[in-house]
């Protein structure tokens, strides 16, 4: 995967801010209130989404580019950012956002289990097949499911299948290399600065 997931995390925000820029220009020239409303809404929403809090896109970007490399870092990042998201939501009384933060916090334990299962099975599967789990050869798929169900807690099919897919994706995920990570972080910081400059105007 490399840099693909982090780029996807930022793509929607980049589009949203880009769409807001021409409306900001229209407002500066014409002082049209509709242009101001559209520009400010687009820019502020995407600027908020850039906050480094999981599961906002800014948090997903940092997770996919940096913290996915280490299970302890992943758990720490998710817990800290989920708590931060909940506190912000409580401060501004945005209860839906608080629910997102709570769900993210509750998912940390299952993410940790999936990470441990992926580490335990990495040498046996990641080198044999990379790609979508549905396209894996039957013998690889069957062995993966058997071993995965032994390592994950018992549950219904509806609970186990998403967990197995999470383990599979972790097996085949490749964080971006250091140089690309630095470039992506600069892009992230640049988007934050541009968003703030437009918002302050």
N, C-alpha and C. Protein backbone atom coordinates (compact mmCIF):
# COMPACT_ATOMS: atom_id res chain seq x y z
N UNK A 1 0.82 -1.20 0.00
CA UNK A 1 0.00 0.00 0.00
C UNK A 1 0.86 1.26 0.00
N UNK A 2 1.92 1.28 0.84
CA UNK A 2 2.81 2.42 0.84
C UNK A 2 2.10 3.72 1.15
N UNK A 3 2.26 4.67 0.22
CA UNK A 3 1.71 6.01 0.44
C UNK A 3 0.27 6.15 0.00
N UNK A 4 -0.33 5.10 -0.55
CA UNK A 4 -1.68 5.23 -1.11
C UNK A 4 -2.72 5.60 -0.07
N UNK A 5 -2.74 4.89 1.05
CA UNK A 5 -3.75 5.18 2.06
C UNK A 5 -3.62 6.58 2.65
N UNK A 6 -2.40 7.03 3.04
CA UNK A 6 -2.28 8.40 3.52
C UNK A 6 -2.73 9.44 2.49
N UNK A 7 -2.43 9.19 1.21
CA UNK A 7 -2.85 10.13 0.16
C UNK A 7 -4.37 10.17 0.07
N UNK A 8 -5.00 8.99 0.13
CA UNK A 8 -6.47 8.94 0.10
C UNK A 8 -7.06 9.68 1.30
N UNK A 9 -6.41 9.55 2.46
CA UNK A 9 -6.90 10.24 3.66
C UNK A 9 -6.95 11.76 3.46
N UNK A 10 -5.98 12.29 2.70
CA UNK A 10 -5.90 13.74 2.51
C UNK A 10 -6.63 14.22 1.26
N UNK A 11 -6.98 13.30 0.36
CA UNK A 11 -7.53 13.70 -0.94
C UNK A 11 -8.83 14.49 -0.80
N UNK A 12 -9.75 13.99 0.05
CA UNK A 12 -11.03 14.66 0.23
C UNK A 12 -10.86 16.05 0.82
N UNK A 13 -9.96 16.18 1.78
CA UNK A 13 -9.70 17.48 2.40
C UNK A 13 -9.10 18.45 1.39
N UNK A 14 -8.14 17.96 0.61
CA UNK A 14 -7.51 18.80 -0.41
C UNK A 14 -8.56 19.30 -1.40
N UNK A 15 -9.47 18.43 -1.80
CA UNK A 15 -10.54 18.83 -2.72
C UNK A 15 -11.45 19.86 -2.08
N UNK A 16 -11.81 19.63 -0.82
CA UNK A 16 -12.71 20.56 -0.14
C UNK A 16 -12.11 21.95 0.00
N UNK A 17 -10.83 22.02 0.38
CA UNK A 17 -10.18 23.32 0.52
C UNK A 17 -10.01 23.98 -0.84
N UNK A 18 -9.67 23.17 -1.86
CA UNK A 18 -9.51 23.71 -3.21
C UNK A 18 -10.81 24.30 -3.72
N UNK A 19 -11.92 23.64 -3.44
CA UNK A 19 -13.23 24.16 -3.85
C UNK A 19 -13.54 25.47 -3.14
N UNK A 20 -13.10 25.59 -1.89
CA UNK A 20 -13.39 26.80 -1.13
C UNK A 20 -12.59 28.01 -1.58
N UNK A 21 -11.41 27.79 -2.18
CA UNK A 21 -10.53 28.90 -2.57
C UNK A 21 -11.18 29.85 -3.57
N UNK A 22 -11.75 29.38 -4.70
CA UNK A 22 -12.35 30.33 -5.64
C UNK A 22 -13.50 31.12 -5.04
N UNK A 23 -14.26 30.51 -4.14
CA UNK A 23 -15.35 31.24 -3.49
C UNK A 23 -14.80 32.31 -2.55
N UNK A 24 -13.64 32.03 -1.94
CA UNK A 24 -12.99 33.07 -1.13
C UNK A 24 -12.57 34.25 -2.00
N UNK A 25 -12.04 33.95 -3.17
CA UNK A 25 -11.63 35.01 -4.10
C UNK A 25 -12.85 35.83 -4.54
N UNK A 26 -13.94 35.14 -4.84
CA UNK A 26 -15.18 35.83 -5.25
C UNK A 26 -15.65 36.76 -4.13
N UNK A 27 -15.56 36.29 -2.90
CA UNK A 27 -16.00 37.13 -1.78
C UNK A 27 -15.10 38.35 -1.61
N UNK A 28 -13.78 38.17 -1.74
CA UNK A 28 -12.86 39.29 -1.59
C UNK A 28 -13.11 40.36 -2.65
N UNK A 29 -13.53 39.92 -3.84
CA UNK A 29 -13.75 40.86 -4.95
C UNK A 29 -15.14 41.49 -4.87
N UNK A 30 -16.16 40.67 -4.57
CA UNK A 30 -17.55 41.15 -4.66
C UNK A 30 -18.22 41.38 -3.31
N UNK A 31 -17.65 40.84 -2.24
CA UNK A 31 -18.26 40.88 -0.91
C UNK A 31 -19.64 40.21 -0.88
N UNK A 32 -19.81 39.24 -1.76
CA UNK A 32 -21.08 38.51 -1.83
C UNK A 32 -21.21 37.60 -0.60
N UNK A 33 -22.28 37.73 0.19
CA UNK A 33 -22.41 36.94 1.42
C UNK A 33 -22.56 35.44 1.17
N UNK A 34 -23.16 35.07 0.04
CA UNK A 34 -23.30 33.65 -0.27
C UNK A 34 -21.94 33.01 -0.55
N UNK A 35 -21.09 33.74 -1.26
CA UNK A 35 -19.74 33.25 -1.53
C UNK A 35 -18.97 33.08 -0.22
N UNK A 36 -19.14 34.04 0.69
CA UNK A 36 -18.47 33.96 1.99
C UNK A 36 -18.96 32.75 2.77
N UNK A 37 -20.28 32.54 2.77
CA UNK A 37 -20.84 31.42 3.52
C UNK A 37 -20.35 30.08 2.99
N UNK A 38 -20.33 29.94 1.67
CA UNK A 38 -19.90 28.68 1.07
C UNK A 38 -18.41 28.46 1.32
N UNK A 39 -17.61 29.51 1.13
CA UNK A 39 -16.17 29.38 1.31
C UNK A 39 -15.83 29.05 2.76
N UNK A 40 -16.43 29.78 3.70
CA UNK A 40 -16.10 29.56 5.11
C UNK A 40 -16.55 28.19 5.59
N UNK A 41 -17.73 27.74 5.13
CA UNK A 41 -18.21 26.42 5.53
C UNK A 41 -17.29 25.32 5.00
N UNK A 42 -16.92 25.42 3.72
CA UNK A 42 -16.06 24.41 3.11
C UNK A 42 -14.69 24.37 3.78
N UNK A 43 -14.11 25.53 4.00
CA UNK A 43 -12.76 25.59 4.56
C UNK A 43 -12.74 25.17 6.03
N UNK A 44 -13.70 25.66 6.82
CA UNK A 44 -13.71 25.34 8.25
C UNK A 44 -14.01 23.87 8.50
N UNK A 45 -14.92 23.29 7.72
CA UNK A 45 -15.22 21.87 7.90
C UNK A 45 -13.99 21.02 7.60
N UNK A 46 -13.32 21.35 6.50
CA UNK A 46 -12.14 20.56 6.14
C UNK A 46 -10.96 20.84 7.07
N UNK A 47 -10.87 22.05 7.59
CA UNK A 47 -9.83 22.36 8.56
C UNK A 47 -10.06 21.57 9.85
N UNK A 48 -11.32 21.48 10.26
CA UNK A 48 -11.65 20.68 11.43
C UNK A 48 -11.31 19.21 11.18
N UNK A 49 -11.61 18.74 9.97
CA UNK A 49 -11.33 17.35 9.62
C UNK A 49 -9.84 17.05 9.59
N UNK A 50 -9.02 18.10 9.48
CA UNK A 50 -7.56 17.94 9.49
C UNK A 50 -6.98 17.78 10.89
N UNK A 51 -7.80 17.99 11.92
CA UNK A 51 -7.28 17.83 13.28
C UNK A 51 -6.68 16.44 13.45
N UNK A 52 -5.54 16.35 14.13
CA UNK A 52 -4.86 15.05 14.28
C UNK A 52 -5.53 14.16 15.31
N UNK A 53 -6.83 13.94 15.13
CA UNK A 53 -7.62 13.14 16.06
C UNK A 53 -8.28 12.00 15.31
N UNK A 54 -8.02 10.78 15.72
CA UNK A 54 -8.62 9.61 15.10
C UNK A 54 -10.06 9.48 15.59
N UNK A 55 -11.09 9.26 14.73
CA UNK A 55 -11.01 8.82 13.34
C UNK A 55 -11.24 9.93 12.30
N UNK A 56 -10.98 11.20 12.63
CA UNK A 56 -11.03 12.24 11.61
C UNK A 56 -9.95 11.94 10.56
N UNK A 57 -10.10 12.54 9.37
CA UNK A 57 -9.16 12.24 8.29
C UNK A 57 -7.73 12.63 8.66
N UNK A 58 -7.56 13.71 9.42
CA UNK A 58 -6.22 14.10 9.86
C UNK A 58 -5.60 13.03 10.74
N UNK A 59 -6.41 12.46 11.64
CA UNK A 59 -5.93 11.39 12.49
C UNK A 59 -5.65 10.11 11.72
N UNK A 60 -6.53 9.81 10.76
CA UNK A 60 -6.30 8.62 9.91
C UNK A 60 -5.00 8.77 9.12
N UNK A 61 -4.75 9.99 8.63
CA UNK A 61 -3.52 10.23 7.87
C UNK A 61 -2.30 9.96 8.73
N UNK A 62 -2.27 10.51 9.94
CA UNK A 62 -1.12 10.30 10.82
C UNK A 62 -0.97 8.83 11.21
N UNK A 63 -2.11 8.17 11.41
CA UNK A 63 -2.05 6.75 11.74
C UNK A 63 -1.49 5.94 10.58
N UNK A 64 -2.01 6.16 9.36
CA UNK A 64 -1.59 5.37 8.20
C UNK A 64 -0.17 5.68 7.75
N UNK A 65 0.33 6.86 8.07
CA UNK A 65 1.67 7.23 7.62
C UNK A 65 2.75 7.02 8.69
N UNK A 66 2.37 7.07 9.96
CA UNK A 66 3.37 7.03 11.03
C UNK A 66 3.08 5.92 12.05
N UNK A 67 1.92 5.96 12.68
CA UNK A 67 1.69 5.14 13.86
C UNK A 67 1.32 3.69 13.56
N UNK A 68 1.00 3.38 12.31
CA UNK A 68 0.68 2.00 11.94
C UNK A 68 1.91 1.11 12.01
N UNK A 69 3.08 1.70 12.10
CA UNK A 69 4.33 0.93 12.09
C UNK A 69 4.54 0.12 13.37
N UNK A 70 3.87 0.51 14.46
CA UNK A 70 4.14 -0.13 15.75
C UNK A 70 2.83 -0.26 16.52
N UNK A 71 2.56 -1.47 17.06
CA UNK A 71 1.29 -1.72 17.74
C UNK A 71 1.11 -0.85 18.98
N UNK A 72 2.18 -0.65 19.75
CA UNK A 72 2.08 0.17 20.95
C UNK A 72 1.80 1.63 20.57
N UNK A 73 2.50 2.12 19.55
CA UNK A 73 2.26 3.48 19.08
C UNK A 73 0.85 3.64 18.56
N UNK A 74 0.34 2.60 17.87
CA UNK A 74 -1.02 2.64 17.34
C UNK A 74 -2.04 2.79 18.47
N UNK A 75 -1.92 1.94 19.48
CA UNK A 75 -2.87 1.98 20.59
C UNK A 75 -2.79 3.30 21.33
N UNK A 76 -1.58 3.75 21.63
CA UNK A 76 -1.40 5.02 22.34
C UNK A 76 -2.01 6.17 21.56
N UNK A 77 -1.73 6.22 20.25
CA UNK A 77 -2.26 7.29 19.41
C UNK A 77 -3.78 7.27 19.38
N UNK A 78 -4.36 6.10 19.20
CA UNK A 78 -5.81 6.01 19.11
C UNK A 78 -6.50 6.39 20.42
N UNK A 79 -5.93 5.95 21.54
CA UNK A 79 -6.53 6.28 22.84
C UNK A 79 -6.45 7.78 23.11
N UNK A 80 -5.26 8.36 22.92
CA UNK A 80 -5.07 9.79 23.20
C UNK A 80 -5.96 10.65 22.30
N UNK A 81 -6.00 10.33 21.01
CA UNK A 81 -6.78 11.15 20.10
C UNK A 81 -8.29 10.96 20.28
N UNK A 82 -8.70 9.73 20.62
CA UNK A 82 -10.13 9.49 20.87
C UNK A 82 -10.59 10.27 22.10
N UNK A 83 -9.78 10.26 23.14
CA UNK A 83 -10.11 11.04 24.34
C UNK A 83 -10.15 12.53 24.01
N UNK A 84 -9.18 12.99 23.21
CA UNK A 84 -9.17 14.39 22.79
C UNK A 84 -10.41 14.76 22.01
N UNK A 85 -10.85 13.87 21.13
CA UNK A 85 -12.04 14.11 20.33
C UNK A 85 -13.28 14.20 21.21
N UNK A 86 -13.36 13.31 22.18
CA UNK A 86 -14.50 13.33 23.11
C UNK A 86 -14.52 14.62 23.91
N UNK A 87 -13.36 15.06 24.41
CA UNK A 87 -13.30 16.29 25.20
C UNK A 87 -13.70 17.51 24.37
N UNK A 88 -13.23 17.56 23.12
CA UNK A 88 -13.62 18.67 22.24
C UNK A 88 -15.12 18.64 21.99
N UNK A 89 -15.66 17.44 21.73
CA UNK A 89 -17.09 17.31 21.47
C UNK A 89 -17.92 17.75 22.68
N UNK A 90 -17.47 17.39 23.88
CA UNK A 90 -18.18 17.80 25.09
C UNK A 90 -18.10 19.32 25.28
N UNK A 91 -16.94 19.89 24.94
CA UNK A 91 -16.76 21.34 25.12
C UNK A 91 -17.67 22.14 24.19
N UNK A 92 -17.86 21.64 22.97
CA UNK A 92 -18.70 22.37 22.01
C UNK A 92 -20.11 21.78 21.93
N UNK A 93 -20.38 20.79 22.76
CA UNK A 93 -21.70 20.14 22.84
C UNK A 93 -22.13 19.55 21.49
N UNK A 94 -21.21 18.86 20.86
CA UNK A 94 -21.48 18.20 19.59
C UNK A 94 -21.50 16.70 19.87
N UNK A 95 -22.68 16.18 20.19
CA UNK A 95 -22.80 14.84 20.74
C UNK A 95 -22.49 13.75 19.71
N UNK A 96 -22.79 14.00 18.44
CA UNK A 96 -22.47 13.01 17.42
C UNK A 96 -20.96 12.79 17.35
N UNK A 97 -20.22 13.88 17.46
CA UNK A 97 -18.76 13.78 17.45
C UNK A 97 -18.26 13.01 18.67
N UNK A 98 -18.91 13.23 19.81
CA UNK A 98 -18.54 12.49 21.02
C UNK A 98 -18.78 11.00 20.83
N UNK A 99 -19.87 10.66 20.12
CA UNK A 99 -20.16 9.24 19.86
C UNK A 99 -19.08 8.62 18.98
N UNK A 100 -18.60 9.37 17.97
CA UNK A 100 -17.52 8.87 17.13
C UNK A 100 -16.27 8.61 17.96
N UNK A 101 -15.95 9.55 18.86
CA UNK A 101 -14.78 9.37 19.70
C UNK A 101 -14.92 8.17 20.62
N UNK A 102 -16.12 7.97 21.16
CA UNK A 102 -16.36 6.83 22.05
C UNK A 102 -16.24 5.51 21.29
N UNK A 103 -16.82 5.46 20.09
CA UNK A 103 -16.71 4.24 19.28
C UNK A 103 -15.26 3.94 18.92
N UNK A 104 -14.50 4.99 18.63
CA UNK A 104 -13.08 4.82 18.33
C UNK A 104 -12.34 4.27 19.54
N UNK A 105 -12.68 4.77 20.72
CA UNK A 105 -12.04 4.30 21.95
C UNK A 105 -12.38 2.84 22.21
N UNK A 106 -13.64 2.46 21.95
CA UNK A 106 -14.07 1.09 22.18
C UNK A 106 -13.43 0.11 21.19
N UNK A 107 -13.01 0.63 20.03
CA UNK A 107 -12.43 -0.25 19.00
C UNK A 107 -10.94 -0.51 19.22
N UNK A 108 -10.34 0.17 20.19
CA UNK A 108 -8.90 0.04 20.40
C UNK A 108 -8.52 -1.39 20.77
N UNK A 109 -9.31 -2.02 21.62
CA UNK A 109 -8.97 -3.37 22.07
C UNK A 109 -8.98 -4.35 20.90
N UNK A 110 -10.01 -4.28 20.04
CA UNK A 110 -10.06 -5.19 18.90
C UNK A 110 -8.92 -4.91 17.92
N UNK A 111 -8.55 -3.63 17.79
CA UNK A 111 -7.42 -3.28 16.93
C UNK A 111 -6.12 -3.85 17.45
N UNK A 112 -5.95 -3.83 18.76
CA UNK A 112 -4.75 -4.40 19.37
C UNK A 112 -4.68 -5.90 19.13
N UNK A 113 -5.81 -6.58 19.28
CA UNK A 113 -5.85 -8.03 19.04
C UNK A 113 -5.54 -8.34 17.58
N UNK A 114 -6.10 -7.54 16.67
CA UNK A 114 -5.84 -7.75 15.24
C UNK A 114 -4.37 -7.53 14.94
N UNK A 115 -3.78 -6.51 15.56
CA UNK A 115 -2.36 -6.23 15.36
C UNK A 115 -1.48 -7.37 15.85
N UNK A 116 -1.80 -7.92 17.00
CA UNK A 116 -1.02 -9.04 17.54
C UNK A 116 -1.18 -10.27 16.65
N UNK A 117 -2.40 -10.52 16.18
CA UNK A 117 -2.63 -11.67 15.31
C UNK A 117 -1.87 -11.51 14.00
N UNK A 118 -1.81 -10.29 13.49
CA UNK A 118 -1.08 -10.05 12.24
C UNK A 118 0.41 -10.29 12.43
N UNK A 119 0.95 -9.84 13.56
CA UNK A 119 2.37 -10.05 13.83
C UNK A 119 2.67 -11.54 13.93
N UNK A 120 1.77 -12.28 14.57
CA UNK A 120 1.99 -13.71 14.77
C UNK A 120 1.93 -14.50 13.47
N UNK A 121 1.19 -14.02 12.49
CA UNK A 121 1.02 -14.77 11.24
C UNK A 121 1.76 -14.14 10.05
N UNK A 122 2.45 -13.05 10.27
CA UNK A 122 3.04 -12.30 9.15
C UNK A 122 4.00 -13.15 8.32
N UNK A 123 4.90 -13.86 8.97
CA UNK A 123 5.91 -14.60 8.22
C UNK A 123 5.30 -15.70 7.37
N UNK A 124 4.15 -16.24 7.77
CA UNK A 124 3.55 -17.34 7.05
C UNK A 124 2.69 -16.93 5.87
N UNK A 125 2.19 -15.67 5.87
CA UNK A 125 1.23 -15.30 4.84
C UNK A 125 1.64 -14.10 4.00
N UNK A 126 2.23 -13.10 4.61
CA UNK A 126 2.53 -11.87 3.87
C UNK A 126 3.47 -12.13 2.71
N UNK A 127 4.38 -13.10 2.87
CA UNK A 127 5.33 -13.39 1.80
C UNK A 127 4.72 -14.26 0.70
N UNK A 128 3.60 -14.92 1.00
CA UNK A 128 2.99 -15.84 0.04
C UNK A 128 1.95 -15.16 -0.84
N UNK A 129 1.27 -14.14 -0.30
CA UNK A 129 0.25 -13.49 -1.09
C UNK A 129 -0.01 -12.08 -0.56
N UNK A 130 -0.11 -11.13 -1.47
CA UNK A 130 -0.49 -9.77 -1.09
C UNK A 130 -1.63 -9.34 -2.00
N UNK A 131 -2.61 -8.70 -1.43
CA UNK A 131 -3.77 -8.29 -2.21
C UNK A 131 -5.04 -8.50 -1.41
N UNK A 132 -6.17 -8.46 -2.09
CA UNK A 132 -7.46 -8.62 -1.43
C UNK A 132 -7.65 -10.05 -0.95
N UNK A 133 -8.23 -10.20 0.22
CA UNK A 133 -8.41 -11.52 0.81
C UNK A 133 -9.30 -12.40 -0.08
N UNK A 134 -10.24 -11.79 -0.79
CA UNK A 134 -11.13 -12.56 -1.65
C UNK A 134 -10.45 -13.14 -2.87
N UNK A 135 -9.25 -12.67 -3.19
CA UNK A 135 -8.52 -13.16 -4.36
C UNK A 135 -7.37 -14.10 -3.99
N UNK A 136 -7.26 -14.42 -2.73
CA UNK A 136 -6.18 -15.31 -2.29
C UNK A 136 -6.45 -16.74 -2.77
N UNK A 137 -5.39 -17.49 -3.09
CA UNK A 137 -5.56 -18.91 -3.45
C UNK A 137 -6.27 -19.66 -2.32
N UNK A 138 -7.04 -20.66 -2.68
CA UNK A 138 -7.87 -21.36 -1.69
C UNK A 138 -7.06 -21.90 -0.52
N UNK A 139 -5.86 -22.49 -0.81
CA UNK A 139 -5.09 -23.09 0.27
C UNK A 139 -4.57 -22.02 1.24
N UNK A 140 -4.19 -20.86 0.71
CA UNK A 140 -3.73 -19.76 1.56
C UNK A 140 -4.89 -19.20 2.37
N UNK A 141 -6.02 -19.01 1.69
CA UNK A 141 -7.21 -18.46 2.36
C UNK A 141 -7.67 -19.38 3.49
N UNK A 142 -7.78 -20.68 3.22
CA UNK A 142 -8.28 -21.62 4.23
C UNK A 142 -7.36 -21.68 5.44
N UNK A 143 -6.05 -21.70 5.18
CA UNK A 143 -5.09 -21.75 6.29
C UNK A 143 -5.15 -20.46 7.11
N UNK A 144 -5.27 -19.34 6.42
CA UNK A 144 -5.34 -18.05 7.12
C UNK A 144 -6.57 -17.99 8.01
N UNK A 145 -7.74 -18.40 7.48
CA UNK A 145 -8.98 -18.37 8.26
C UNK A 145 -8.87 -19.28 9.48
N UNK A 146 -8.32 -20.48 9.29
CA UNK A 146 -8.18 -21.43 10.39
C UNK A 146 -7.29 -20.87 11.50
N UNK A 147 -6.13 -20.38 11.12
CA UNK A 147 -5.20 -19.84 12.12
C UNK A 147 -5.73 -18.54 12.73
N UNK A 148 -6.38 -17.72 11.89
CA UNK A 148 -6.91 -16.46 12.39
C UNK A 148 -7.99 -16.65 13.43
N UNK A 149 -8.87 -17.63 13.22
CA UNK A 149 -9.94 -17.88 14.18
C UNK A 149 -9.39 -18.44 15.48
N UNK A 150 -8.23 -19.10 15.41
CA UNK A 150 -7.61 -19.59 16.64
C UNK A 150 -7.00 -18.45 17.45
N UNK A 151 -6.54 -17.43 16.78
CA UNK A 151 -5.86 -16.33 17.47
C UNK A 151 -6.83 -15.25 17.93
N UNK A 152 -7.97 -15.12 17.26
CA UNK A 152 -8.93 -14.08 17.62
C UNK A 152 -9.96 -14.65 18.59
N UNK A 153 -10.57 -13.78 19.43
CA UNK A 153 -11.58 -14.26 20.37
C UNK A 153 -12.80 -14.81 19.64
N UNK A 154 -13.44 -15.80 20.25
CA UNK A 154 -14.61 -16.42 19.63
C UNK A 154 -15.74 -15.41 19.48
N UNK A 155 -16.52 -15.57 18.42
CA UNK A 155 -17.64 -14.67 18.18
C UNK A 155 -18.46 -15.17 17.02
N UNK A 156 -19.52 -14.47 16.70
CA UNK A 156 -20.36 -14.85 15.58
C UNK A 156 -19.64 -14.56 14.28
N UNK A 157 -20.19 -15.11 13.18
CA UNK A 157 -19.58 -14.88 11.87
C UNK A 157 -19.54 -13.39 11.54
N UNK A 158 -20.60 -12.68 11.92
CA UNK A 158 -20.65 -11.24 11.65
C UNK A 158 -19.59 -10.46 12.39
N UNK A 159 -19.13 -11.00 13.52
CA UNK A 159 -18.08 -10.35 14.29
C UNK A 159 -16.69 -10.79 13.83
N UNK A 160 -16.57 -12.05 13.46
CA UNK A 160 -15.26 -12.61 13.13
C UNK A 160 -14.76 -12.18 11.76
N UNK A 161 -15.65 -12.13 10.77
CA UNK A 161 -15.23 -11.81 9.40
C UNK A 161 -14.55 -10.44 9.31
N UNK A 162 -15.14 -9.35 9.87
CA UNK A 162 -14.44 -8.05 9.82
C UNK A 162 -13.08 -8.09 10.52
N UNK A 163 -12.98 -8.86 11.61
CA UNK A 163 -11.71 -8.95 12.32
C UNK A 163 -10.66 -9.67 11.48
N UNK A 164 -11.08 -10.74 10.79
CA UNK A 164 -10.15 -11.45 9.92
C UNK A 164 -9.68 -10.56 8.77
N UNK A 165 -10.60 -9.76 8.22
CA UNK A 165 -10.22 -8.85 7.14
C UNK A 165 -9.24 -7.81 7.65
N UNK A 166 -9.45 -7.34 8.88
CA UNK A 166 -8.53 -6.37 9.47
C UNK A 166 -7.14 -6.98 9.61
N UNK A 167 -7.07 -8.23 10.08
CA UNK A 167 -5.78 -8.91 10.22
C UNK A 167 -5.12 -9.05 8.85
N UNK A 168 -5.90 -9.44 7.86
CA UNK A 168 -5.36 -9.63 6.50
C UNK A 168 -4.78 -8.33 5.95
N UNK A 169 -5.52 -7.22 6.13
CA UNK A 169 -5.04 -5.93 5.64
C UNK A 169 -3.76 -5.52 6.34
N UNK A 170 -3.66 -5.82 7.62
CA UNK A 170 -2.43 -5.51 8.35
C UNK A 170 -1.26 -6.36 7.86
N UNK A 171 -1.55 -7.61 7.51
CA UNK A 171 -0.50 -8.49 6.99
C UNK A 171 0.12 -7.91 5.73
N UNK A 172 -0.72 -7.34 4.87
CA UNK A 172 -0.27 -6.91 3.56
C UNK A 172 -0.02 -5.40 3.48
N UNK A 173 -0.18 -4.70 4.58
CA UNK A 173 0.05 -3.26 4.56
C UNK A 173 1.54 -2.95 4.60
N UNK A 174 1.92 -1.93 3.87
CA UNK A 174 3.31 -1.47 3.85
C UNK A 174 3.31 0.03 4.10
N UNK A 175 3.73 0.48 5.28
CA UNK A 175 3.77 1.92 5.53
C UNK A 175 4.68 2.61 4.52
N UNK A 176 4.44 3.88 4.22
CA UNK A 176 5.34 4.59 3.28
C UNK A 176 6.75 4.66 3.83
N UNK A 177 7.71 4.69 2.92
CA UNK A 177 9.11 4.80 3.32
C UNK A 177 9.36 6.17 3.96
N UNK A 178 10.49 6.28 4.63
CA UNK A 178 10.77 7.49 5.42
C UNK A 178 10.69 8.76 4.59
N UNK A 179 11.29 8.74 3.39
CA UNK A 179 11.28 9.93 2.55
C UNK A 179 9.88 10.34 2.16
N UNK A 180 9.05 9.36 1.78
CA UNK A 180 7.67 9.65 1.41
C UNK A 180 6.87 10.13 2.61
N UNK A 181 7.15 9.53 3.78
CA UNK A 181 6.45 9.95 4.99
C UNK A 181 6.72 11.42 5.29
N UNK A 182 7.98 11.83 5.17
CA UNK A 182 8.34 13.23 5.41
C UNK A 182 7.60 14.14 4.42
N UNK A 183 7.58 13.75 3.15
CA UNK A 183 6.88 14.54 2.15
C UNK A 183 5.40 14.65 2.43
N UNK A 184 4.79 13.55 2.85
CA UNK A 184 3.36 13.55 3.16
C UNK A 184 3.05 14.42 4.38
N UNK A 185 3.94 14.37 5.37
CA UNK A 185 3.73 15.22 6.56
C UNK A 185 3.84 16.70 6.18
N UNK A 186 4.77 17.04 5.28
CA UNK A 186 4.86 18.42 4.81
C UNK A 186 3.57 18.82 4.09
N UNK A 187 3.01 17.91 3.30
CA UNK A 187 1.74 18.18 2.62
C UNK A 187 0.63 18.42 3.63
N UNK A 188 0.60 17.61 4.67
CA UNK A 188 -0.41 17.76 5.73
C UNK A 188 -0.27 19.12 6.41
N UNK A 189 0.95 19.46 6.80
CA UNK A 189 1.19 20.75 7.46
C UNK A 189 0.82 21.90 6.52
N UNK A 190 1.15 21.76 5.23
CA UNK A 190 0.81 22.79 4.25
C UNK A 190 -0.69 22.99 4.14
N UNK A 191 -1.44 21.90 4.14
CA UNK A 191 -2.90 22.01 4.09
C UNK A 191 -3.44 22.72 5.33
N UNK A 192 -2.87 22.40 6.48
CA UNK A 192 -3.30 23.06 7.72
C UNK A 192 -3.03 24.57 7.64
N UNK A 193 -1.84 24.95 7.19
CA UNK A 193 -1.48 26.37 7.10
C UNK A 193 -2.37 27.12 6.11
N UNK A 194 -2.58 26.49 4.94
CA UNK A 194 -3.44 27.13 3.93
C UNK A 194 -4.86 27.28 4.47
N UNK A 195 -5.35 26.24 5.12
CA UNK A 195 -6.69 26.31 5.69
C UNK A 195 -6.83 27.42 6.71
N UNK A 196 -5.83 27.55 7.60
CA UNK A 196 -5.87 28.61 8.62
C UNK A 196 -5.76 30.00 7.99
N UNK A 197 -4.90 30.14 7.01
CA UNK A 197 -4.77 31.44 6.34
C UNK A 197 -6.08 31.86 5.68
N UNK A 198 -6.73 30.93 5.02
CA UNK A 198 -8.02 31.24 4.39
C UNK A 198 -9.10 31.51 5.43
N UNK A 199 -9.07 30.74 6.53
CA UNK A 199 -10.08 30.92 7.57
C UNK A 199 -9.92 32.25 8.28
N UNK A 200 -8.68 32.68 8.51
CA UNK A 200 -8.43 33.94 9.22
C UNK A 200 -8.82 35.15 8.39
N UNK A 201 -8.83 34.98 7.07
CA UNK A 201 -9.24 36.08 6.22
C UNK A 201 -10.75 36.27 6.26
